[in-house]
Amino acid sequence: MRTYVLRRITLIIPTIFLVSIVVFALIRAIPGDVVTLMLQDSKDPQQAEQLRQQLGLDKPVVVQYGIWLGHALQGDLGTSLWTKNSVVGEISRALPVTLELAIISMLIASLLAIPFGLISALMQNRFPDYLVRIISITGLSIPNFWLGTLLIMLPAIWFRWSPPTTYVSIFADPVQNLKQFMLPSLALGYGFSAITMRLMRSETLEVMRQDYIRTAQAKGLASRALVIRHILRNALIPVITVMGAQARLFLGGAVLIEQIFLLPGLGRLTLWAIQVRDYPQLQANILIIVIITLLLNLLTDLSYGWLDPRVRLA
């Protein structure tokens, strides 16, 4: 296990390096230019060239990347072209918001998917099963940004209530913070729960058909012990795989949800950086997301060994 973890951590480094090259090139391939946006009221080519030199954009892309990489290896990911603040400082303020949104959304998705999927399988072809299947199909059909819009509009129309838009830290006021995050987390988590719910149902049915389950039933094992120790634990193995993949998607889905609910998270910061072509900020944001994704992949793989002793990671 230790060798496997060390090898995976070692592979993260070249992966980040390759991703940084691709991202650096693709960002500069986006139509539009930050200098043009900054000087939109001026058409003086000399002034534009002067600003380009000040920002270091007059050098070839390879040279720009080499300069950026040299600073990045020293822990300096650059300065925002617009705010002139350190991009690391901007990320440190935005990342906790996105992580909180992702964690709460993941909890909501898990609390909906695992129990409902299990109940649906245990009560196959009965009313609870049909109800859960309708809920899951609805979740698959509704885009999270559309659901988020409805969650803002319908309470405002019906109850004259709107979710708070001024961000409050969980350390300053936990109750107000949870009020602000509940609707966006529900909008983000419901759609992801639908996929896991259907998978949980199908995997539970598959496990229930196995010979060792019938043997345990024949020996008189209590239903509760059978469900928890044998059915649930074995059905969770592929479900954990999907949930690990979904955890990465929460970061991408947070972009639109944060914009809709005005949350000052990493997704909203990334969207702003794309709009204004803030290359250093966008580069750093994507690298942070890549690092988090790689760590989530590692945690997902390690969970196999805990859920199924037959899996040996080496």
C-alpha atoms as a PDB file:
ATOM      1  CA  MET A   1       0.000   0.000   0.000  1.00  0.00           C
ATOM      2  CA  ARG A   2       2.773   2.421   0.928  1.00  0.00           C
ATOM      3  CA  THR A   3       4.582   1.776  -2.374  1.00  0.00           C
ATOM      4  CA  TYR A   4       1.365   2.335  -4.310  1.00  0.00           C
ATOM      5  CA  VAL A   5       0.656   5.664  -2.577  1.00  0.00           C
ATOM      6  CA  LEU A   6       4.230   6.917  -3.094  1.00  0.00           C
ATOM      7  CA  ARG A   7       4.134   5.948  -6.774  1.00  0.00           C
ATOM      8  CA  ARG A   8       0.832   7.722  -7.313  1.00  0.00           C
ATOM      9  CA  ILE A   9       2.058  10.864  -5.539  1.00  0.00           C
ATOM     10  CA  THR A  10       5.223  10.811  -7.662  1.00  0.00           C
ATOM     11  CA  LEU A  11       3.145  10.613 -10.849  1.00  0.00           C
ATOM     12  CA  ILE A  12       1.212  13.719  -9.800  1.00  0.00           C
ATOM     13  CA  ILE A  13       4.260  15.932 -10.418  1.00  0.00           C
ATOM     14  CA  PRO A  14       4.749  15.215 -14.173  1.00  0.00           C
ATOM     15  CA  THR A  15       0.972  15.323 -14.626  1.00  0.00           C
ATOM     16  CA  ILE A  16       0.806  18.835 -13.189  1.00  0.00           C
ATOM     17  CA  PHE A  17       3.747  19.872 -15.370  1.00  0.00           C
ATOM     18  CA  LEU A  18       2.082  18.616 -18.571  1.00  0.00           C
ATOM     19  CA  VAL A  19      -1.238  20.188 -17.624  1.00  0.00           C
ATOM     20  CA  SER A  20       0.462  23.532 -16.972  1.00  0.00           C
ATOM     21  CA  ILE A  21       1.927  23.503 -20.508  1.00  0.00           C
ATOM     22  CA  VAL A  22      -1.426  22.675 -22.115  1.00  0.00           C
ATOM     23  CA  VAL A  23      -3.320  25.233 -20.030  1.00  0.00           C
ATOM     24  CA  PHE A  24      -0.722  27.939 -20.651  1.00  0.00           C
ATOM     25  CA  ALA A  25      -1.031  27.447 -24.411  1.00  0.00           C
ATOM     26  CA  LEU A  26      -4.822  27.111 -24.521  1.00  0.00           C
ATOM     27  CA  ILE A  27      -5.441  30.191 -22.398  1.00  0.00           C
ATOM     28  CA  ARG A  28      -3.521  32.322 -24.863  1.00  0.00           C
ATOM     29  CA  ALA A  29      -5.443  30.765 -27.741  1.00  0.00           C
ATOM     30  CA  ILE A  30      -8.722  32.220 -26.410  1.00  0.00           C
ATOM     31  CA  PRO A  31     -10.006  34.892 -28.837  1.00  0.00           C
ATOM     32  CA  GLY A  32      -9.437  38.394 -27.538  1.00  0.00           C
ATOM     33  CA  ASP A  33      -6.552  40.071 -25.810  1.00  0.00           C
ATOM     34  CA  VAL A  34      -6.192  41.480 -22.309  1.00  0.00           C
ATOM     35  CA  VAL A  35      -4.428  44.578 -23.677  1.00  0.00           C
ATOM     36  CA  THR A  36      -7.356  45.302 -25.982  1.00  0.00           C
ATOM     37  CA  LEU A  37      -9.769  44.960 -23.056  1.00  0.00           C
ATOM     38  CA  MET A  38      -7.690  47.298 -20.894  1.00  0.00           C
ATOM     39  CA  LEU A  39      -7.386  49.910 -23.637  1.00  0.00           C
ATOM     40  CA  GLN A  40     -10.860  49.566 -25.107  1.00  0.00           C
ATOM     41  CA  ASP A  41     -11.283  53.353 -25.176  1.00  0.00           C
ATOM     42  CA  SER A  42      -7.900  53.915 -26.801  1.00  0.00           C
ATOM     43  CA  LYS A  43      -6.772  52.951 -30.282  1.00  0.00           C
ATOM     44  CA  ASP A  44      -3.180  54.128 -29.932  1.00  0.00           C
ATOM     45  CA  PRO A  45      -0.952  51.216 -31.098  1.00  0.00           C
ATOM     46  CA  GLN A  46       2.072  52.670 -29.313  1.00  0.00           C
ATOM     47  CA  GLN A  47       0.224  52.736 -26.009  1.00  0.00           C
ATOM     48  CA  ALA A  48      -0.926  49.151 -26.576  1.00  0.00           C
ATOM     49  CA  GLU A  49       2.629  48.008 -27.282  1.00  0.00           C
ATOM     50  CA  GLN A  50       3.881  49.814 -24.203  1.00  0.00           C
ATOM     51  CA  LEU A  51       1.284  48.110 -22.006  1.00  0.00           C
ATOM     52  CA  ARG A  52       2.094  44.751 -23.577  1.00  0.00           C
ATOM     53  CA  GLN A  53       5.754  45.211 -22.598  1.00  0.00           C
ATOM     54  CA  GLN A  54       4.793  46.179 -19.034  1.00  0.00           C
ATOM     55  CA  LEU A  55       2.717  43.011 -18.698  1.00  0.00           C
ATOM     56  CA  GLY A  56       5.431  40.851 -20.247  1.00  0.00           C
ATOM     57  CA  LEU A  57       3.200  39.761 -23.108  1.00  0.00           C
ATOM     58  CA  ASP A  58       5.554  40.936 -25.837  1.00  0.00           C
ATOM     59  CA  LYS A  59       7.828  37.908 -25.363  1.00  0.00           C
ATOM     60  CA  PRO A  60       7.311  34.567 -27.158  1.00  0.00           C
ATOM     61  CA  VAL A  61       4.928  32.166 -25.418  1.00  0.00           C
ATOM     62  CA  VAL A  62       7.767  29.716 -24.681  1.00  0.00           C
ATOM     63  CA  VAL A  63       9.739  32.443 -22.903  1.00  0.00           C
ATOM     64  CA  GLN A  64       6.638  33.557 -20.989  1.00  0.00           C
ATOM     65  CA  TYR A  65       6.078  29.978 -19.845  1.00  0.00           C
ATOM     66  CA  GLY A  66       9.697  29.594 -18.754  1.00  0.00           C
ATOM     67  CA  ILE A  67       9.467  32.777 -16.672  1.00  0.00           C
ATOM     68  CA  TRP A  68       6.166  31.676 -15.138  1.00  0.00           C
ATOM     69  CA  LEU A  69       7.492  28.179 -14.361  1.00  0.00           C
ATOM     70  CA  GLY A  70      10.582  29.590 -12.688  1.00  0.00           C
ATOM     71  CA  HIS A  71       8.462  31.735 -10.383  1.00  0.00           C
ATOM     72  CA  ALA A  72       5.958  28.904  -9.793  1.00  0.00           C
ATOM     73  CA  LEU A  73       8.726  26.565  -8.586  1.00  0.00           C
ATOM     74  CA  GLN A  74       9.513  29.212  -5.977  1.00  0.00           C
ATOM     75  CA  GLY A  75       5.874  29.332  -4.866  1.00  0.00           C
ATOM     76  CA  ASP A  76       4.961  32.490  -6.787  1.00  0.00           C
ATOM     77  CA  LEU A  77       2.104  31.847  -9.233  1.00  0.00           C
ATOM     78  CA  GLY A  78       2.040  35.451 -10.367  1.00  0.00           C
ATOM     79  CA  THR A  79       0.016  38.621  -9.952  1.00  0.00           C
ATOM     80  CA  SER A  80      -3.405  39.375 -11.357  1.00  0.00           C
ATOM     81  CA  LEU A  81      -3.201  41.606 -14.436  1.00  0.00           C
ATOM     82  CA  TRP A  82      -6.266  43.539 -13.309  1.00  0.00           C
ATOM     83  CA  THR A  83      -6.342  43.663  -9.504  1.00  0.00           C
ATOM     84  CA  LYS A  84      -2.526  43.591  -9.091  1.00  0.00           C
ATOM     85  CA  ASN A  85      -3.075  41.233  -6.158  1.00  0.00           C
ATOM     86  CA  SER A  86      -1.282  37.928  -5.714  1.00  0.00           C
ATOM     87  CA  VAL A  87      -3.226  35.147  -7.448  1.00  0.00           C
ATOM     88  CA  VAL A  88      -2.468  32.866  -4.492  1.00  0.00           C
ATOM     89  CA  GLY A  89      -4.126  35.402  -2.195  1.00  0.00           C
ATOM     90  CA  GLU A  90      -7.198  35.544  -4.431  1.00  0.00           C
ATOM     91  CA  ILE A  91      -7.394  31.732  -4.502  1.00  0.00           C
ATOM     92  CA  SER A  92      -7.001  31.475  -0.723  1.00  0.00           C
ATOM     93  CA  ARG A  93     -10.085  33.686  -0.343  1.00  0.00           C
ATOM     94  CA  ALA A  94     -12.157  31.915  -3.007  1.00  0.00           C
ATOM     95  CA  LEU A  95     -11.201  28.255  -2.544  1.00  0.00           C
ATOM     96  CA  PRO A  96     -12.825  27.761   0.913  1.00  0.00           C
ATOM     97  CA  VAL A  97     -16.152  28.920  -0.552  1.00  0.00           C
ATOM     98  CA  THR A  98     -15.986  26.394  -3.397  1.00  0.00           C
ATOM     99  CA  LEU A  99     -14.836  23.585  -1.106  1.00  0.00           C
ATOM    100  CA  GLU A 100     -17.694  24.274   1.306  1.00  0.00           C
ATOM    101  CA  LEU A 101     -20.181  24.275  -1.575  1.00  0.00           C
ATOM    102  CA  ALA A 102     -18.725  21.018  -2.939  1.00  0.00           C
ATOM    103  CA  ILE A 103     -18.674  19.280   0.468  1.00  0.00           C
ATOM    104  CA  ILE A 104     -22.264  20.219   1.346  1.00  0.00           C
ATOM    105  CA  SER A 105     -23.415  19.259  -2.169  1.00  0.00           C
ATOM    106  CA  MET A 106     -21.617  15.929  -1.864  1.00  0.00           C
ATOM    107  CA  LEU A 107     -23.247  15.274   1.505  1.00  0.00           C
ATOM    108  CA  ILE A 108     -26.691  16.061   0.080  1.00  0.00           C
ATOM    109  CA  ALA A 109     -26.029  13.836  -2.940  1.00  0.00           C
ATOM    110  CA  SER A 110     -24.859  10.960  -0.714  1.00  0.00           C
ATOM    111  CA  LEU A 111     -27.742  11.308   1.739  1.00  0.00           C
ATOM    112  CA  LEU A 112     -30.202  11.201  -1.154  1.00  0.00           C
ATOM    113  CA  ALA A 113     -28.544   8.565  -3.318  1.00  0.00           C
ATOM    114  CA  ILE A 114     -27.368   5.799  -0.983  1.00  0.00           C
ATOM    115  CA  PRO A 115     -30.438   5.337   1.260  1.00  0.00           C
ATOM    116  CA  PHE A 116     -32.945   5.893  -1.564  1.00  0.00           C
ATOM    117  CA  GLY A 117     -31.081   3.596  -3.948  1.00  0.00           C
ATOM    118  CA  LEU A 118     -30.879   0.894  -1.279  1.00  0.00           C
ATOM    119  CA  ILE A 119     -34.592   1.206  -0.397  1.00  0.00           C
ATOM    120  CA  SER A 120     -35.512   1.125  -4.084  1.00  0.00           C
ATOM    121  CA  ALA A 121     -33.658  -2.168  -4.555  1.00  0.00           C
ATOM    122  CA  LEU A 122     -34.947  -3.775  -1.353  1.00  0.00           C
ATOM    123  CA  MET A 123     -38.520  -2.872  -2.340  1.00  0.00           C
ATOM    124  CA  GLN A 124     -38.205  -3.646  -6.032  1.00  0.00           C
ATOM    125  CA  ASN A 125     -41.325  -3.123  -8.184  1.00  0.00           C
ATOM    126  CA  ARG A 126     -43.275  -1.606  -5.309  1.00  0.00           C
ATOM    127  CA  PHE A 127     -44.400   1.982  -4.755  1.00  0.00           C
ATOM    128  CA  PRO A 128     -41.174   3.209  -3.026  1.00  0.00           C
ATOM    129  CA  ASP A 129     -39.161   1.785  -5.913  1.00  0.00           C
ATOM    130  CA  TYR A 130     -41.271   3.583  -8.518  1.00  0.00           C
ATOM    131  CA  LEU A 131     -41.083   6.832  -6.536  1.00  0.00           C
ATOM    132  CA  VAL A 132     -37.275   6.678  -6.253  1.00  0.00           C
ATOM    133  CA  ARG A 133     -36.955   5.944  -9.963  1.00  0.00           C
ATOM    134  CA  ILE A 134     -39.093   8.992 -10.793  1.00  0.00           C
ATOM    135  CA  ILE A 135     -36.944  11.160  -8.481  1.00  0.00           C
ATOM    136  CA  SER A 136     -33.718   9.904 -10.090  1.00  0.00           C
ATOM    137  CA  ILE A 137     -34.952  10.352 -13.678  1.00  0.00           C
ATOM    138  CA  THR A 138     -36.099  13.880 -12.822  1.00  0.00           C
ATOM    139  CA  GLY A 139     -32.663  14.662 -11.400  1.00  0.00           C
ATOM    140  CA  LEU A 140     -30.999  13.390 -14.570  1.00  0.00           C
ATOM    141  CA  SER A 141     -33.275  15.521 -16.741  1.00  0.00           C
ATOM    142  CA  ILE A 142     -32.936  18.879 -14.978  1.00  0.00           C
ATOM    143  CA  PRO A 143     -29.717  20.921 -15.476  1.00  0.00           C
ATOM    144  CA  ASN A 144     -28.348  22.191 -12.170  1.00  0.00           C
ATOM    145  CA  PHE A 145     -28.185  25.817 -13.348  1.00  0.00           C
ATOM    146  CA  TRP A 146     -31.886  25.695 -14.327  1.00  0.00           C
ATOM    147  CA  LEU A 147     -32.797  24.152 -10.971  1.00  0.00           C
ATOM    148  CA  GLY A 148     -30.726  26.822  -9.241  1.00  0.00           C
ATOM    149  CA  THR A 149     -32.621  29.543 -11.103  1.00  0.00           C
ATOM    150  CA  LEU A 150     -35.945  27.979 -10.064  1.00  0.00           C
ATOM    151  CA  LEU A 151     -34.818  27.792  -6.433  1.00  0.00           C
ATOM    152  CA  ILE A 152     -34.249  31.547  -6.522  1.00  0.00           C
ATOM    153  CA  MET A 153     -37.331  32.569  -8.496  1.00  0.00           C
ATOM    154  CA  LEU A 154     -40.076  30.357  -7.026  1.00  0.00           C
ATOM    155  CA  PRO A 155     -39.555  31.272  -3.320  1.00  0.00           C
ATOM    156  CA  ALA A 156     -39.352  34.936  -4.366  1.00  0.00           C
ATOM    157  CA  ILE A 157     -42.676  34.674  -6.239  1.00  0.00           C
ATOM    158  CA  TRP A 158     -44.540  32.443  -3.788  1.00  0.00           C
ATOM    159  CA  PHE A 159     -43.152  33.512  -0.402  1.00  0.00           C
ATOM    160  CA  ARG A 160     -41.495  36.878  -1.135  1.00  0.00           C
ATOM    161  CA  TRP A 161     -38.212  35.399   0.095  1.00  0.00           C
ATOM    162  CA  SER A 162     -34.817  35.359  -1.598  1.00  0.00           C
ATOM    163  CA  PRO A 163     -31.619  33.651  -0.435  1.00  0.00           C
ATOM    164  CA  PRO A 164     -28.996  35.979   1.082  1.00  0.00           C
ATOM    165  CA  THR A 165     -26.481  37.245  -1.461  1.00  0.00           C
ATOM    166  CA  THR A 166     -23.853  38.740   0.853  1.00  0.00           C
ATOM    167  CA  TYR A 167     -21.326  36.062   1.699  1.00  0.00           C
ATOM    168  CA  VAL A 168     -20.906  35.294   5.399  1.00  0.00           C
ATOM    169  CA  SER A 169     -18.123  32.989   6.570  1.00  0.00           C
ATOM    170  CA  ILE A 170     -19.087  29.864   8.488  1.00  0.00           C
ATOM    171  CA  PHE A 171     -16.767  30.996  11.286  1.00  0.00           C
ATOM    172  CA  ALA A 172     -18.490  34.391  11.566  1.00  0.00           C
ATOM    173  CA  ASP A 173     -22.104  33.140  11.518  1.00  0.00           C
ATOM    174  CA  PRO A 174     -22.641  29.387  10.908  1.00  0.00           C
ATOM    175  CA  VAL A 175     -26.445  29.663  10.713  1.00  0.00           C
ATOM    176  CA  GLN A 176     -26.424  32.466   8.148  1.00  0.00           C
ATOM    177  CA  ASN A 177     -23.700  30.672   6.207  1.00  0.00           C
ATOM    178  CA  LEU A 178     -25.721  27.456   5.978  1.00  0.00           C
ATOM    179  CA  LYS A 179     -28.805  29.430   4.907  1.00  0.00           C
ATOM    180  CA  GLN A 180     -26.774  30.877   2.052  1.00  0.00           C
ATOM    181  CA  PHE A 181     -25.314  27.528   0.973  1.00  0.00           C
ATOM    182  CA  MET A 182     -28.370  25.287   1.329  1.00  0.00           C
ATOM    183  CA  LEU A 183     -30.100  26.180  -1.964  1.00  0.00           C
ATOM    184  CA  PRO A 184     -26.980  26.196  -4.178  1.00  0.00           C
ATOM    185  CA  SER A 185     -25.839  22.926  -2.592  1.00  0.00           C
ATOM    186  CA  LEU A 186     -29.249  21.377  -3.244  1.00  0.00           C
ATOM    187  CA  ALA A 187     -29.173  22.562  -6.865  1.00  0.00           C
ATOM    188  CA  LEU A 188     -25.713  21.105  -7.362  1.00  0.00           C
ATOM    189  CA  GLY A 189     -26.164  17.922  -5.350  1.00  0.00           C
ATOM    190  CA  TYR A 190     -29.567  16.781  -6.604  1.00  0.00           C
ATOM    191  CA  GLY A 191     -28.460  16.158 -10.184  1.00  0.00           C
ATOM    192  CA  PHE A 192     -25.375  14.236  -9.096  1.00  0.00           C
ATOM    193  CA  SER A 193     -27.409  12.173  -6.625  1.00  0.00           C
ATOM    194  CA  ALA A 194     -29.627  10.914  -9.458  1.00  0.00           C
ATOM    195  CA  ILE A 195     -26.765   9.073 -11.173  1.00  0.00           C
ATOM    196  CA  THR A 196     -25.557   7.512  -7.930  1.00  0.00           C
ATOM    197  CA  MET A 197     -29.111   6.624  -6.893  1.00  0.00           C
ATOM    198  CA  ARG A 198     -29.720   4.550 -10.022  1.00  0.00           C
ATOM    199  CA  LEU A 199     -26.306   2.915  -9.760  1.00  0.00           C
ATOM    200  CA  MET A 200     -26.881   2.110  -6.086  1.00  0.00           C
ATOM    201  CA  ARG A 201     -30.169   0.439  -6.959  1.00  0.00           C
ATOM    202  CA  SER A 202     -28.725  -1.669  -9.789  1.00  0.00           C
ATOM    203  CA  GLU A 203     -25.632  -2.707  -7.802  1.00  0.00           C
ATOM    204  CA  THR A 204     -27.718  -3.646  -4.771  1.00  0.00           C
ATOM    205  CA  LEU A 205     -29.956  -5.828  -6.939  1.00  0.00           C
ATOM    206  CA  GLU A 206     -26.864  -7.458  -8.449  1.00  0.00           C
ATOM    207  CA  VAL A 207     -25.392  -8.226  -5.020  1.00  0.00           C
ATOM    208  CA  MET A 208     -28.724  -9.606  -3.762  1.00  0.00           C
ATOM    209  CA  ARG A 209     -28.657 -12.214  -6.552  1.00  0.00           C
ATOM    210  CA  GLN A 210     -25.272 -13.609  -5.484  1.00  0.00           C
ATOM    211  CA  ASP A 211     -24.984 -17.110  -4.025  1.00  0.00           C
ATOM    212  CA  TYR A 212     -23.358 -15.996  -0.770  1.00  0.00           C
ATOM    213  CA  ILE A 213     -26.382 -13.757  -0.033  1.00  0.00           C
ATOM    214  CA  ARG A 214     -28.765 -16.684  -0.490  1.00  0.00           C
ATOM    215  CA  THR A 215     -26.482 -18.815   1.699  1.00  0.00           C
ATOM    216  CA  ALA A 216     -26.515 -16.183   4.452  1.00  0.00           C
ATOM    217  CA  GLN A 217     -30.299 -15.994   4.253  1.00  0.00           C
ATOM    218  CA  ALA A 218     -30.585 -19.782   4.425  1.00  0.00           C
ATOM    219  CA  LYS A 219     -28.428 -19.817   7.559  1.00  0.00           C
ATOM    220  CA  GLY A 220     -30.837 -17.401   9.214  1.00  0.00           C
ATOM    221  CA  LEU A 221     -28.629 -14.284   9.306  1.00  0.00           C
ATOM    222  CA  ALA A 222     -30.626 -11.293  10.553  1.00  0.00           C
ATOM    223  CA  SER A 223     -31.921  -9.033   7.810  1.00  0.00           C
ATOM    224  CA  ARG A 224     -30.246  -5.930   9.255  1.00  0.00           C
ATOM    225  CA  ALA A 225     -26.839  -7.611   9.480  1.00  0.00           C
ATOM    226  CA  LEU A 226     -27.258  -9.045   5.991  1.00  0.00           C
ATOM    227  CA  VAL A 227     -28.041  -5.639   4.491  1.00  0.00           C
ATOM    228  CA  ILE A 228     -25.325  -3.678   6.298  1.00  0.00           C
ATOM    229  CA  ARG A 229     -22.446  -6.198   6.378  1.00  0.00           C
ATOM    230  CA  HIS A 230     -22.907  -7.925   3.033  1.00  0.00           C
ATOM    231  CA  ILE A 231     -25.284  -6.194   0.636  1.00  0.00           C
ATOM    232  CA  LEU A 232     -24.495  -2.532   1.356  1.00  0.00           C
ATOM    233  CA  ARG A 233     -20.738  -2.906   1.686  1.00  0.00           C
ATOM    234  CA  ASN A 234     -20.350  -4.824  -1.585  1.00  0.00           C
ATOM    235  CA  ALA A 235     -22.786  -2.610  -3.495  1.00  0.00           C
ATOM    236  CA  LEU A 236     -20.872   0.502  -2.419  1.00  0.00           C
ATOM    237  CA  ILE A 237     -17.642  -0.439  -4.221  1.00  0.00           C
ATOM    238  CA  PRO A 238     -18.687   0.712  -7.754  1.00  0.00           C
ATOM    239  CA  VAL A 239     -20.779   3.497  -6.216  1.00  0.00           C
ATOM    240  CA  ILE A 240     -17.674   4.936  -4.551  1.00  0.00           C
ATOM    241  CA  THR A 241     -15.998   4.986  -7.981  1.00  0.00           C
ATOM    242  CA  VAL A 242     -18.793   7.085  -9.439  1.00  0.00           C
ATOM    243  CA  MET A 243     -18.926   9.359  -6.403  1.00  0.00           C
ATOM    244  CA  GLY A 244     -15.177   9.929  -6.701  1.00  0.00           C
ATOM    245  CA  ALA A 245     -15.650  10.934 -10.336  1.00  0.00           C
ATOM    246  CA  GLN A 246     -18.581  13.161  -9.380  1.00  0.00           C
ATOM    247  CA  ALA A 247     -16.525  14.904  -6.705  1.00  0.00           C
ATOM    248  CA  ARG A 248     -14.354  16.259  -9.503  1.00  0.00           C
ATOM    249  CA  LEU A 249     -17.439  17.405 -11.400  1.00  0.00           C
ATOM    250  CA  PHE A 250     -18.629  19.399  -8.399  1.00  0.00           C
ATOM    251  CA  LEU A 251     -15.742  21.808  -8.980  1.00  0.00           C
ATOM    252  CA  GLY A 252     -16.798  22.327 -12.589  1.00  0.00           C
ATOM    253  CA  GLY A 253     -20.490  22.582 -11.764  1.00  0.00           C
ATOM    254  CA  ALA A 254     -19.716  25.186  -9.126  1.00  0.00           C
ATOM    255  CA  VAL A 255     -18.815  27.727 -11.837  1.00  0.00           C
ATOM    256  CA  LEU A 256     -22.422  28.379 -12.902  1.00  0.00           C
ATOM    257  CA  ILE A 257     -23.962  27.787  -9.478  1.00  0.00           C
ATOM    258  CA  GLU A 258     -21.615  30.291  -7.834  1.00  0.00           C
ATOM    259  CA  GLN A 259     -22.451  32.831 -10.514  1.00  0.00           C
ATOM    260  CA  ILE A 260     -26.213  32.318 -10.085  1.00  0.00           C
ATOM    261  CA  PHE A 261     -26.120  32.556  -6.272  1.00  0.00           C
ATOM    262  CA  LEU A 262     -23.367  35.228  -6.193  1.00  0.00           C
ATOM    263  CA  LEU A 263     -20.968  33.106  -4.148  1.00  0.00           C
ATOM    264  CA  PRO A 264     -17.380  34.451  -4.217  1.00  0.00           C
ATOM    265  CA  GLY A 265     -15.821  31.057  -4.904  1.00  0.00           C
ATOM    266  CA  LEU A 266     -13.157  29.674  -7.190  1.00  0.00           C
ATOM    267  CA  GLY A 267     -15.654  28.936  -9.956  1.00  0.00           C
ATOM    268  CA  ARG A 268     -16.855  32.527 -10.111  1.00  0.00           C
ATOM    269  CA  LEU A 269     -13.264  33.778  -9.935  1.00  0.00           C
ATOM    270  CA  THR A 270     -12.338  31.489 -12.848  1.00  0.00           C
ATOM    271  CA  LEU A 271     -15.271  32.706 -14.932  1.00  0.00           C
ATOM    272  CA  TRP A 272     -14.235  36.315 -14.281  1.00  0.00           C
ATOM    273  CA  ALA A 273     -10.618  35.539 -15.217  1.00  0.00           C
ATOM    274  CA  ILE A 274     -11.802  34.057 -18.535  1.00  0.00           C
ATOM    275  CA  GLN A 275     -13.944  37.094 -19.310  1.00  0.00           C
ATOM    276  CA  VAL A 276     -11.141  39.619 -18.703  1.00  0.00           C
ATOM    277  CA  ARG A 277      -8.301  37.330 -19.993  1.00  0.00           C
ATOM    278  CA  ASP A 278      -6.460  37.455 -16.666  1.00  0.00           C
ATOM    279  CA  TYR A 279      -3.863  34.846 -17.674  1.00  0.00           C
ATOM    280  CA  PRO A 280      -1.990  34.428 -14.347  1.00  0.00           C
ATOM    281  CA  GLN A 281      -5.195  34.118 -12.340  1.00  0.00           C
ATOM    282  CA  LEU A 282      -6.782  31.663 -14.751  1.00  0.00           C
ATOM    283  CA  GLN A 283      -3.620  29.553 -14.957  1.00  0.00           C
ATOM    284  CA  ALA A 284      -3.354  29.316 -11.169  1.00  0.00           C
ATOM    285  CA  ASN A 285      -7.059  28.532 -10.732  1.00  0.00           C
ATOM    286  CA  ILE A 286      -6.935  25.640 -13.190  1.00  0.00           C
ATOM    287  CA  LEU A 287      -3.768  24.235 -11.624  1.00  0.00           C
ATOM    288  CA  ILE A 288      -5.408  24.224  -8.190  1.00  0.00           C
ATOM    289  CA  ILE A 289      -8.446  22.421  -9.626  1.00  0.00           C
ATOM    290  CA  VAL A 290      -6.161  19.859 -11.311  1.00  0.00           C
ATOM    291  CA  ILE A 291      -4.271  19.205  -8.071  1.00  0.00           C
ATOM    292  CA  ILE A 292      -7.523  18.722  -6.140  1.00  0.00           C
ATOM    293  CA  THR A 293      -8.784  16.376  -8.877  1.00  0.00           C
ATOM    294  CA  LEU A 294      -5.628  14.243  -8.730  1.00  0.00           C
ATOM    295  CA  LEU A 295      -5.861  13.991  -4.936  1.00  0.00           C
ATOM    296  CA  LEU A 296      -9.516  12.959  -5.196  1.00  0.00           C
ATOM    297  CA  ASN A 297      -8.524  10.258  -7.680  1.00  0.00           C
ATOM    298  CA  LEU A 298      -5.972   8.947  -5.197  1.00  0.00           C
ATOM    299  CA  LEU A 299      -8.470   8.942  -2.322  1.00  0.00           C
ATOM    300  CA  THR A 300     -11.014   7.102  -4.498  1.00  0.00           C
ATOM    301  CA  ASP A 301      -8.501   4.382  -5.349  1.00  0.00           C
ATOM    302  CA  LEU A 302      -7.453   3.996  -1.718  1.00  0.00           C
ATOM    303  CA  SER A 303     -11.068   3.577  -0.647  1.00  0.00           C
ATOM    304  CA  TYR A 304     -11.249   0.320  -2.649  1.00  0.00           C
ATOM    305  CA  GLY A 305      -8.872  -1.417  -0.272  1.00  0.00           C
ATOM    306  CA  TRP A 306     -10.959  -0.382   2.724  1.00  0.00           C
ATOM    307  CA  LEU A 307     -14.305  -1.425   1.205  1.00  0.00           C
ATOM    308  CA  ASP A 308     -13.094  -4.672  -0.342  1.00  0.00           C
ATOM    309  CA  PRO A 309     -10.227  -6.543   1.354  1.00  0.00           C
ATOM    310  CA  ARG A 310      -9.817  -8.581  -1.831  1.00  0.00           C
ATOM    311  CA  VAL A 311      -8.452  -5.479  -3.533  1.00  0.00           C
ATOM    312  CA  ARG A 312      -4.728  -5.188  -2.966  1.00  0.00           C
ATOM    313  CA  LEU A 313      -3.161  -1.910  -4.033  1.00  0.00           C
ATOM    314  CA  ALA A 314       0.508  -2.487  -4.739  1.00  0.00           C
END
